[in-house]
Amino acid sequence: MIENFEIFEEVKKKITDVKKRIEELEGEKHRNLEIILNVVKAINSSLILDEVLKIVLDNLISLAKANKGCLFLVNGDKNLKCALARNSKGETLDEEAIAYSKSIVQDVYSSGEPIVIEDIINYEDFMRKESIIALNLKTIICVPLTVDGQILGVVYVDSNRVTEINKNEILQLFEILAGHAAIAIRNAKLYEKLSKAYIDLQSANEAMIKAERMATRGALASEIGHELSNYLTIISINAKLISREIAKISQDEKLNNSISSLLSGINKMKYFIRGLLDSAEMKPNKQPSNINNIIKETIQFVQPLSRYSIAKFVDELDPELPLVNIDPFQFQQLLINLYKNATDARKDATIITRTYFDKELNKIEIRVADNGPGIPPEVREKLFNINLTTKPEGHGYGLMICKKIIENHNGKIEVISEVGNGTEFIISIPVE
C-alpha cells in the first residue's frame, strides 16, 4: 500500500514537472512571439539602415541566447560584407576583427538555405570545419535575408556553449524575422539612395541657380551700364544744346549755374557707369581642371530638370584630354547656356558634346551640337551681340556671356549652323 502511494506521488510529481515545463515553454513561445511583433513594428517604423540593422541583430541574438552575431549585406560586387557585429550586451564589435565561421556564412549565402546547429557534437560534417574548431563553437544559427527570391545578405549568430533551443521553433522564428528584416533593409537602402539622389538634385539646383545669378549679375551690370550710358549721352547732348540756346537769349547767372550743375552731374554719372562696366568683366578664377569632368557634371546637373525631360544628351569625350587652367564655374555656366539654347529651340533636342585635344596646336576643342531648327544667316552674324534674342522672354545676353567667358580664357567660340540642319558651337582653349 505504502509502495503504491510512493509510486503515485512520484507520478504526480512528474506530471507537475511536465505541466510546469509546458507552461515555461508556452511562456517562452509567448515571449518570443512578442519579441517578433515588437521587432517587426520597430523595423517597419524606421527607414534608417543602421537603426534597422541594430534592432534586427540584437533581437536575433536574444532569441537564440547567443554570445554574438553578425549581419552581412551583399555589396556592389555581389560579395558579402559585414555591415554590423554585436554581442549579447548590445555592444557594437569591430566588423573587421570579429571571429566567426566564414564557411557557414558562405554556405548559407551560396545555397540560400538556413543552417541551425543546436549542438555541434551532433553534426560530424560541421565539426571538421577549421573555423568551428578554432573558435570552439557549440551553437550556430545562420539564415539568409531574402526578398522576392533575391538574397540581400545573411544573418549569423553563434555561441561557445550549448544553448537550449528547439531547432524547428527557432528556425521558424528566425525565418519570420529575417523575412521582415530583409524587406526593411531593402526599403532602408532604397531610402538611402533616394535621399542621396535628392541631395544631389538639390546641390545641382543650387549650383545652377548660383551659376545663373553669377552670370546674370555680370551681364546685368553690363546691360544697365550700357543703357545708362546711352541715356546719359542723349541727356548730355540735349543739355549742351539747351546751354547754347540759353546763352543766346539770356545771361541769367542762376540759369547758367543750373546748366553747369546738370552737366557736372552727368559727368559724375559717367564715371560711375564706367566703374559698373569694369565690375562686369567676369574675371575668371582659374585652376587646373578636367574639362571632361566638368561636362559630365554639368549634364548630370541639368538632366533632372523639367526643361530637359525629353532632351537626349550624348558625350564623346577624348580620354587623353590634359588638365587646363580655367575657371570651372564659368565653363559650367557656358555649357548650361548652350544646352538651354538647344532645348529652347527644340524641346526633344539631341545634344552632343565632344572634346578633342589638338597636340600640334596644344589646344582643347569643345563642340556642342544639336539637331534643332538651325539659325538664319542674318541672326548668326549678330549672334554674340548683347540684346540679340529670338525668344519673346529672352534677355539677349546668354551667348554674349559665353563669348566673354571664352575671351577671358584666351580662346575662341564659333558657330556653324544651317536652317533645318541644327547648330554646332565650336570652342577652342589653349593649354597654358
Protein backbone atom coordinates (compact mmCIF):
# COMPACT_ATOMS: atom_id res chain seq x y z
CA MET A 1 0.00 0.00 0.00
CA ILE A 2 2.79 2.38 1.00
CA GLU A 3 4.68 1.38 -2.11
CA ASN A 4 1.70 2.24 -4.31
CA PHE A 5 1.38 5.57 -2.57
CA GLU A 6 5.05 6.40 -3.28
CA ILE A 7 4.61 5.45 -6.96
CA PHE A 8 1.52 7.66 -7.11
CA GLU A 9 3.40 10.61 -5.59
CA GLU A 10 6.29 10.13 -8.00
CA VAL A 11 3.93 10.05 -10.99
CA LYS A 12 2.12 13.10 -9.63
CA LYS A 13 5.44 14.94 -9.29
CA LYS A 14 6.43 14.05 -12.86
CA ILE A 15 3.08 15.25 -14.16
CA THR A 16 3.55 18.50 -12.24
CA ASP A 17 7.07 18.92 -13.67
CA VAL A 18 5.78 18.25 -17.18
CA LYS A 19 2.99 20.80 -16.70
CA LYS A 20 5.49 23.31 -15.36
CA ARG A 21 7.79 22.70 -18.32
CA ILE A 22 4.88 23.06 -20.74
CA GLU A 23 3.93 26.33 -19.05
CA GLU A 24 7.55 27.52 -19.31
CA LEU A 25 7.66 26.59 -22.99
CA GLU A 26 4.31 28.26 -23.61
CA GLY A 27 5.56 31.34 -21.78
CA GLU A 28 8.78 31.32 -23.83
CA LYS A 29 6.79 30.95 -27.05
CA HIS A 30 4.63 33.87 -25.99
CA ARG A 31 7.71 35.98 -25.17
CA ASN A 32 9.33 35.03 -28.48
CA LEU A 33 6.20 35.97 -30.44
CA GLU A 34 6.04 39.22 -28.51
CA ILE A 35 9.67 39.90 -29.44
CA ILE A 36 8.90 39.19 -33.10
CA LEU A 37 5.90 41.54 -33.10
CA ASN A 38 7.87 44.31 -31.37
CA VAL A 39 10.81 43.91 -33.77
CA VAL A 40 8.56 43.93 -36.86
CA LYS A 41 6.84 47.05 -35.55
CA ALA A 42 10.17 48.75 -34.78
CA ILE A 43 11.90 47.99 -38.09
CA ASN A 44 8.84 48.98 -40.10
CA SER A 45 8.79 52.37 -38.38
CA SER A 46 12.37 53.23 -39.38
CA LEU A 47 13.99 53.90 -42.74
CA ILE A 48 17.46 54.48 -41.29
CA LEU A 49 19.56 51.46 -42.26
CA ASP A 50 21.84 51.50 -39.18
CA GLU A 51 18.83 51.53 -36.85
CA VAL A 52 17.15 48.65 -38.68
CA LEU A 53 20.33 46.53 -38.57
CA LYS A 54 20.79 47.04 -34.80
CA ILE A 55 17.17 46.20 -33.98
CA VAL A 56 17.26 43.02 -36.06
CA LEU A 57 20.62 41.73 -34.85
CA ASP A 58 20.10 42.47 -31.15
CA ASN A 59 16.79 40.63 -31.09
CA LEU A 60 18.07 37.61 -33.04
CA ILE A 61 20.98 37.28 -30.58
CA SER A 62 18.45 37.43 -27.75
CA LEU A 63 16.11 34.87 -29.33
CA ALA A 64 18.96 32.40 -29.88
CA LYS A 65 20.54 33.13 -26.47
CA ALA A 66 23.81 33.57 -28.38
CA ASN A 67 27.08 35.27 -27.42
CA LYS A 68 27.39 37.40 -30.54
CA GLY A 69 26.07 37.93 -34.06
CA CYS A 70 26.92 39.45 -37.43
CA LEU A 71 24.73 40.85 -40.16
CA PHE A 72 26.18 40.63 -43.67
CA LEU A 73 24.91 42.56 -46.69
CA VAL A 74 25.65 41.94 -50.36
CA ASN A 75 27.81 44.73 -51.83
CA GLY A 76 28.08 46.01 -55.41
CA ASP A 77 30.49 43.19 -56.30
CA LYS A 78 27.93 40.58 -55.17
CA ASN A 79 30.15 39.69 -52.22
CA LEU A 80 29.14 39.60 -48.56
CA LYS A 81 30.42 42.36 -46.30
CA CYS A 82 29.86 42.52 -42.55
CA ALA A 83 27.63 45.56 -42.01
CA LEU A 84 27.24 45.14 -38.24
CA ALA A 85 28.59 42.94 -35.43
CA ARG A 86 27.14 42.97 -31.89
CA ASN A 87 27.39 40.96 -28.68
CA SER A 88 24.71 39.84 -26.20
CA LYS A 89 25.32 43.01 -24.13
CA GLY A 90 24.22 45.21 -27.04
CA GLU A 91 27.75 46.43 -27.74
CA THR A 92 28.95 47.03 -31.30
CA LEU A 93 32.03 45.00 -32.24
CA ASP A 94 34.72 45.68 -34.83
CA GLU A 95 33.39 44.22 -38.12
CA GLU A 96 36.91 43.64 -39.42
CA ALA A 97 38.24 41.91 -36.28
CA ILE A 98 35.26 39.75 -35.25
CA ALA A 99 35.77 35.96 -35.47
CA TYR A 100 33.01 33.81 -36.95
CA SER A 101 32.60 30.73 -39.13
CA LYS A 102 33.20 32.09 -42.62
CA SER A 103 32.45 28.72 -44.19
CA ILE A 104 28.96 28.56 -42.61
CA VAL A 105 28.15 32.11 -43.77
CA GLN A 106 29.36 31.36 -47.29
CA ASP A 107 27.40 28.07 -47.44
CA VAL A 108 24.16 29.86 -46.50
CA TYR A 109 24.79 32.67 -48.99
CA SER A 110 25.60 30.23 -51.81
CA SER A 111 22.72 27.82 -51.16
CA GLY A 112 20.09 30.23 -49.87
CA GLU A 113 19.25 27.63 -47.21
CA PRO A 114 19.45 28.22 -43.43
CA ILE A 115 21.77 26.29 -41.12
CA VAL A 116 20.81 25.64 -37.47
CA ILE A 117 23.27 23.76 -35.22
CA GLU A 118 21.96 23.50 -31.67
CA ASP A 119 24.89 21.30 -30.53
CA ILE A 120 27.94 20.85 -32.76
CA ILE A 121 28.66 17.39 -31.33
CA ASN A 122 25.65 16.06 -33.25
CA TYR A 123 26.94 17.31 -36.62
CA GLU A 124 30.06 15.46 -37.77
CA ASP A 125 30.34 17.33 -41.08
CA PHE A 126 30.48 20.71 -39.36
CA MET A 127 32.75 19.51 -36.56
CA ARG A 128 35.56 19.12 -39.12
CA LYS A 129 35.40 22.76 -40.25
CA GLU A 130 38.54 24.59 -39.19
CA SER A 131 36.83 27.83 -38.18
CA ILE A 132 34.40 25.99 -35.88
CA ILE A 133 37.23 24.04 -34.25
CA ALA A 134 39.42 27.11 -33.86
CA LEU A 135 36.62 29.19 -32.29
CA ASN A 136 35.31 26.31 -30.15
CA LEU A 137 31.74 26.98 -31.32
CA LYS A 138 28.86 24.88 -29.99
CA THR A 139 25.68 26.57 -31.30
CA ILE A 140 25.34 28.33 -34.67
CA ILE A 141 22.31 29.78 -36.45
CA CYS A 142 22.70 31.31 -39.90
CA VAL A 143 19.77 32.44 -42.07
CA PRO A 144 19.62 34.21 -45.47
CA LEU A 145 17.89 37.60 -45.81
CA THR A 146 15.72 37.10 -48.87
CA VAL A 147 13.20 39.33 -50.67
CA ASP A 148 11.38 38.19 -53.82
CA GLY A 149 13.92 35.43 -54.37
CA GLN A 150 16.88 37.83 -54.11
CA ILE A 151 19.40 37.34 -51.28
CA LEU A 152 20.24 40.73 -49.73
CA GLY A 153 22.50 39.28 -47.09
CA VAL A 154 22.94 36.76 -44.26
CA VAL A 155 22.37 36.97 -40.51
CA TYR A 156 24.63 34.84 -38.29
CA VAL A 157 24.71 34.20 -34.51
CA ASP A 158 26.85 31.79 -32.51
CA SER A 159 27.76 30.69 -29.01
CA ASN A 160 30.66 28.78 -27.48
CA ARG A 161 28.24 26.96 -25.21
CA VAL A 162 25.29 24.67 -25.96
CA THR A 163 22.08 26.68 -25.68
CA GLU A 164 18.71 25.10 -25.05
CA ILE A 165 16.80 25.83 -28.23
CA ASN A 166 14.18 23.97 -30.20
CA LYS A 167 15.63 23.70 -33.70
CA ASN A 168 12.35 23.82 -35.64
CA GLU A 169 10.88 26.55 -33.47
CA ILE A 170 13.95 28.80 -33.51
CA LEU A 171 14.32 28.32 -37.25
CA GLN A 172 10.70 29.33 -37.79
CA LEU A 173 11.18 32.44 -35.62
CA PHE A 174 14.42 33.34 -37.37
CA GLU A 175 12.90 32.94 -40.82
CA ILE A 176 9.88 35.11 -39.90
CA LEU A 177 12.11 37.83 -38.51
CA ALA A 178 14.67 37.51 -41.32
CA GLY A 179 11.91 37.90 -43.92
CA HIS A 180 10.62 41.11 -42.35
CA ALA A 181 14.19 42.30 -41.78
CA ALA A 182 15.08 41.77 -45.44
CA ILE A 183 12.13 43.90 -46.55
CA ALA A 184 13.01 46.62 -44.02
CA ILE A 185 16.69 46.57 -45.11
CA ARG A 186 15.72 46.80 -48.77
CA ASN A 187 13.43 49.75 -48.03
CA ALA A 188 16.11 51.46 -45.93
CA LYS A 189 18.69 51.03 -48.73
CA LEU A 190 16.21 52.42 -51.26
CA TYR A 191 15.58 55.34 -48.92
CA GLU A 192 19.34 55.96 -48.68
CA LYS A 193 19.59 56.03 -52.49
CA LEU A 194 16.56 58.30 -52.74
CA SER A 195 17.99 60.65 -50.10
CA LYS A 196 21.31 60.79 -51.92
CA ALA A 197 19.56 61.42 -55.24
CA TYR A 198 17.55 64.22 -53.61
CA ILE A 199 20.68 65.79 -52.11
CA ASP A 200 22.47 65.54 -55.48
CA LEU A 201 19.48 67.12 -57.21
CA GLN A 202 19.30 69.86 -54.60
CA SER A 203 23.04 70.53 -54.96
CA ALA A 204 22.67 70.61 -58.73
CA ASN A 205 19.76 73.00 -58.50
CA GLU A 206 21.61 75.29 -56.08
CA ALA A 207 24.69 75.22 -58.29
CA MET A 208 22.59 76.13 -61.33
CA ILE A 209 20.83 78.96 -59.51
CA LYS A 210 24.17 80.26 -58.25
CA ALA A 211 25.68 79.96 -61.72
CA GLU A 212 22.73 81.75 -63.27
CA ARG A 213 22.88 84.54 -60.70
CA MET A 214 26.63 84.99 -61.02
CA ALA A 215 26.47 85.08 -64.78
CA THR A 216 23.46 87.35 -65.00
CA ARG A 217 24.92 89.65 -62.36
CA GLY A 218 27.82 90.48 -64.63
CA ALA A 219 25.61 90.64 -67.70
CA LEU A 220 23.01 92.83 -65.99
CA ALA A 221 25.68 95.20 -64.72
CA SER A 222 26.96 95.45 -68.26
CA GLU A 223 23.44 95.82 -69.67
CA ILE A 224 22.45 98.50 -67.15
CA GLY A 225 25.75 100.30 -67.66
CA HIS A 226 25.33 100.43 -71.44
CA GLU A 227 21.69 101.53 -71.17
CA LEU A 228 22.53 104.28 -68.68
CA SER A 229 25.43 105.37 -70.85
CA ASN A 230 23.11 105.68 -73.85
CA TYR A 231 20.55 107.67 -71.89
CA LEU A 232 23.21 109.93 -70.42
CA THR A 233 24.70 110.58 -73.86
CA ILE A 234 21.27 111.77 -75.06
CA ILE A 235 20.76 113.85 -71.90
CA SER A 236 24.25 115.31 -72.21
CA ILE A 237 23.75 116.29 -75.86
CA ASN A 238 20.37 117.87 -75.07
CA ALA A 239 21.81 119.67 -72.04
CA LYS A 240 24.61 121.16 -74.15
CA LEU A 241 22.13 122.22 -76.85
CA ILE A 242 19.92 123.84 -74.19
CA SER A 243 23.00 125.58 -72.73
CA ARG A 244 23.84 127.06 -76.13
CA GLU A 245 20.27 128.18 -76.74
CA ILE A 246 20.09 129.79 -73.28
CA ALA A 247 23.44 131.53 -73.86
CA LYS A 248 21.96 133.13 -76.97
CA ILE A 249 18.86 134.52 -75.26
CA SER A 250 19.85 135.02 -71.61
CA GLN A 251 22.82 135.74 -69.34
CA ASP A 252 20.95 134.73 -66.19
CA GLU A 253 23.64 133.52 -63.75
CA LYS A 254 21.31 131.17 -61.84
CA LEU A 255 20.16 129.55 -65.06
CA ASN A 256 23.76 129.09 -66.27
CA ASN A 257 24.76 127.64 -62.90
CA SER A 258 21.92 125.15 -63.12
CA ILE A 259 23.07 124.06 -66.59
CA SER A 260 26.68 123.73 -65.35
CA SER A 261 25.48 121.70 -62.36
CA LEU A 262 23.47 119.44 -64.70
CA LEU A 263 26.49 118.84 -66.97
CA SER A 264 28.70 118.16 -63.93
CA GLY A 265 26.19 115.62 -62.60
CA ILE A 266 26.14 113.88 -65.98
CA ASN A 267 29.94 113.58 -65.97
CA LYS A 268 29.89 112.10 -62.45
CA MET A 269 27.33 109.52 -63.55
CA LYS A 270 29.55 108.62 -66.50
CA TYR A 271 32.40 107.82 -64.07
CA PHE A 272 30.02 105.69 -62.01
CA ILE A 273 28.89 103.81 -65.12
CA ARG A 274 32.50 103.18 -66.12
CA GLY A 275 33.06 101.54 -62.72
CA LEU A 276 29.90 99.49 -63.20
CA LEU A 277 31.13 98.25 -66.56
CA ASP A 278 34.54 97.42 -65.08
CA SER A 279 32.86 95.29 -62.40
CA ALA A 280 31.08 93.30 -65.13
CA GLU A 281 34.32 91.98 -66.62
CA MET A 282 33.67 88.49 -65.13
CA LYS A 283 37.30 87.89 -64.20
CA PRO A 284 37.94 84.14 -64.08
CA ASN A 285 39.26 82.28 -61.05
CA LYS A 286 41.48 79.85 -62.95
CA GLN A 287 42.61 76.48 -61.64
CA PRO A 288 43.81 73.21 -63.22
CA SER A 289 40.63 71.49 -64.34
CA ASN A 290 39.43 68.42 -66.21
CA ILE A 291 37.03 69.64 -68.90
CA ASN A 292 35.60 66.13 -69.43
CA ASN A 293 34.58 66.00 -65.76
CA ILE A 294 33.01 69.47 -65.96
CA ILE A 295 30.94 68.33 -68.97
CA LYS A 296 29.80 65.14 -67.21
CA GLU A 297 28.91 67.00 -64.01
CA THR A 298 27.02 69.71 -65.91
CA ILE A 299 24.97 67.15 -67.83
CA GLN A 300 24.26 65.36 -64.55
CA PHE A 301 23.15 68.68 -63.03
CA VAL A 302 20.72 69.66 -65.81
CA GLN A 303 19.22 66.27 -66.73
CA PRO A 304 16.78 66.05 -63.76
CA LEU A 305 15.25 69.45 -64.58
CA SER A 306 11.90 69.57 -66.36
CA ARG A 307 13.34 71.72 -69.15
CA TYR A 308 15.49 68.74 -70.25
CA SER A 309 12.98 65.94 -69.52
CA ILE A 310 12.65 64.83 -73.17
CA ALA A 311 16.07 66.02 -74.37
CA LYS A 312 18.83 63.46 -75.03
CA PHE A 313 22.44 64.05 -74.03
CA VAL A 314 25.34 62.30 -75.75
CA ASP A 315 29.02 62.79 -74.86
CA GLU A 316 32.02 61.78 -76.94
CA LEU A 317 34.97 62.81 -74.80
CA ASP A 318 38.65 62.49 -75.63
CA PRO A 319 40.20 60.42 -72.78
CA GLU A 320 43.64 61.96 -73.45
CA LEU A 321 42.48 65.49 -72.63
CA PRO A 322 45.08 67.20 -70.38
CA LEU A 323 44.25 69.40 -67.42
CA VAL A 324 43.74 73.00 -68.47
CA ASN A 325 43.90 76.19 -66.43
CA ILE A 326 40.32 77.50 -66.49
CA ASP A 327 37.52 78.72 -64.24
CA PRO A 328 35.37 75.56 -63.89
CA PHE A 329 32.42 77.57 -62.62
CA GLN A 330 32.40 79.83 -65.68
CA PHE A 331 32.72 76.85 -68.02
CA GLN A 332 29.78 75.18 -66.34
CA GLN A 333 27.74 78.34 -66.98
CA LEU A 334 28.92 78.35 -70.60
CA LEU A 335 27.67 74.79 -71.10
CA ILE A 336 24.38 75.49 -69.31
CA ASN A 337 23.72 78.44 -71.64
CA LEU A 338 24.42 76.34 -74.74
CA TYR A 339 22.26 73.43 -73.50
CA LYS A 340 19.48 75.85 -72.57
CA ASN A 341 19.54 77.42 -76.05
CA ALA A 342 19.36 73.97 -77.67
CA THR A 343 16.24 72.96 -75.71
CA ASP A 344 14.65 76.38 -76.16
CA ALA A 345 14.89 75.81 -79.93
CA ARG A 346 13.74 72.18 -79.72
CA LYS A 347 12.45 70.56 -76.51
CA ASP A 348 13.33 67.00 -77.62
CA ALA A 349 16.75 68.00 -78.91
CA THR A 350 19.64 65.56 -79.08
CA ILE A 351 22.65 67.43 -77.71
CA ILE A 352 26.08 66.00 -78.49
CA THR A 353 29.12 67.28 -76.58
CA ARG A 354 32.53 66.33 -77.96
CA THR A 355 36.07 67.10 -76.81
CA TYR A 356 39.33 66.78 -78.67
CA PHE A 357 42.97 67.57 -77.82
CA ASP A 358 44.99 69.00 -80.69
CA LYS A 359 48.56 68.11 -79.68
CA GLU A 360 50.17 70.05 -82.54
CA LEU A 361 48.44 73.33 -81.70
CA ASN A 362 48.35 72.49 -77.96
CA LYS A 363 44.70 73.40 -77.60
CA ILE A 364 41.47 71.75 -76.46
CA GLU A 365 38.38 71.85 -78.63
CA ILE A 366 34.85 71.53 -77.28
CA ARG A 367 31.96 71.04 -79.69
CA VAL A 368 28.31 71.29 -78.66
CA ALA A 369 25.95 70.24 -81.45
CA ASP A 370 22.16 69.87 -81.60
CA ASN A 371 19.56 68.76 -84.13
CA GLY A 372 17.40 71.86 -83.75
CA PRO A 373 15.94 74.14 -86.44
CA GLY A 374 19.22 75.94 -87.07
CA ILE A 375 19.99 79.68 -87.12
CA PRO A 376 19.22 82.01 -90.06
CA PRO A 377 22.29 83.78 -91.56
CA GLU A 378 21.06 87.27 -90.59
CA VAL A 379 20.80 86.19 -86.94
CA ARG A 380 24.03 84.18 -87.00
CA GLU A 381 26.07 87.28 -87.92
CA LYS A 382 24.97 89.10 -84.77
CA LEU A 383 24.70 86.04 -82.53
CA PHE A 384 27.14 87.17 -79.82
CA ASN A 385 25.89 90.76 -79.63
CA ILE A 386 24.16 91.93 -76.47
CA ASN A 387 20.35 92.29 -76.64
CA LEU A 388 20.10 89.86 -79.56
CA THR A 389 17.34 87.36 -78.81
CA THR A 390 14.84 85.41 -80.90
CA LYS A 391 12.70 84.45 -77.86
CA PRO A 392 9.82 86.60 -76.50
CA GLU A 393 11.00 86.12 -72.90
CA GLY A 394 14.72 86.26 -73.77
CA HIS A 395 17.10 88.86 -72.37
CA GLY A 396 19.70 88.66 -75.12
CA TYR A 397 22.88 88.21 -73.09
CA GLY A 398 23.25 84.40 -72.82
CA LEU A 399 25.61 83.99 -75.78
CA MET A 400 27.29 87.31 -75.00
CA ILE A 401 28.24 85.75 -71.65
CA CYS A 402 29.57 82.65 -73.44
CA LYS A 403 31.76 84.81 -75.67
CA LYS A 404 33.02 86.81 -72.69
CA ILE A 405 33.92 83.61 -70.78
CA ILE A 406 35.89 82.24 -73.74
CA GLU A 407 37.69 85.55 -74.28
CA ASN A 408 38.65 85.57 -70.60
CA HIS A 409 40.42 82.27 -71.29
CA ASN A 410 42.17 83.49 -74.46
CA GLY A 411 40.01 81.18 -76.51
CA LYS A 412 37.62 81.40 -79.44
CA ILE A 413 33.98 80.47 -79.95
CA GLU A 414 32.47 79.92 -83.39
CA VAL A 415 29.14 78.71 -84.67
CA ILE A 416 28.21 76.52 -87.62
CA SER A 417 24.52 76.43 -88.41
CA GLU A 418 22.17 75.91 -91.27
CA VAL A 419 18.41 76.36 -91.20
CA GLY A 420 16.83 72.92 -90.82
CA ASN A 421 20.15 71.17 -90.04
CA GLY A 422 20.90 72.06 -86.43
CA THR A 423 23.62 74.14 -84.81
CA GLU A 424 27.15 73.45 -83.59
CA PHE A 425 29.23 75.68 -81.32
CA ILE A 426 33.00 75.17 -81.53
CA ILE A 427 35.10 76.34 -78.61
CA SER A 428 38.89 76.25 -78.59
CA ILE A 429 41.00 76.85 -75.49
CA PRO A 430 44.82 77.00 -75.39
CA VAL A 431 46.53 74.65 -72.93
CA GLU A 432 48.70 77.01 -70.91
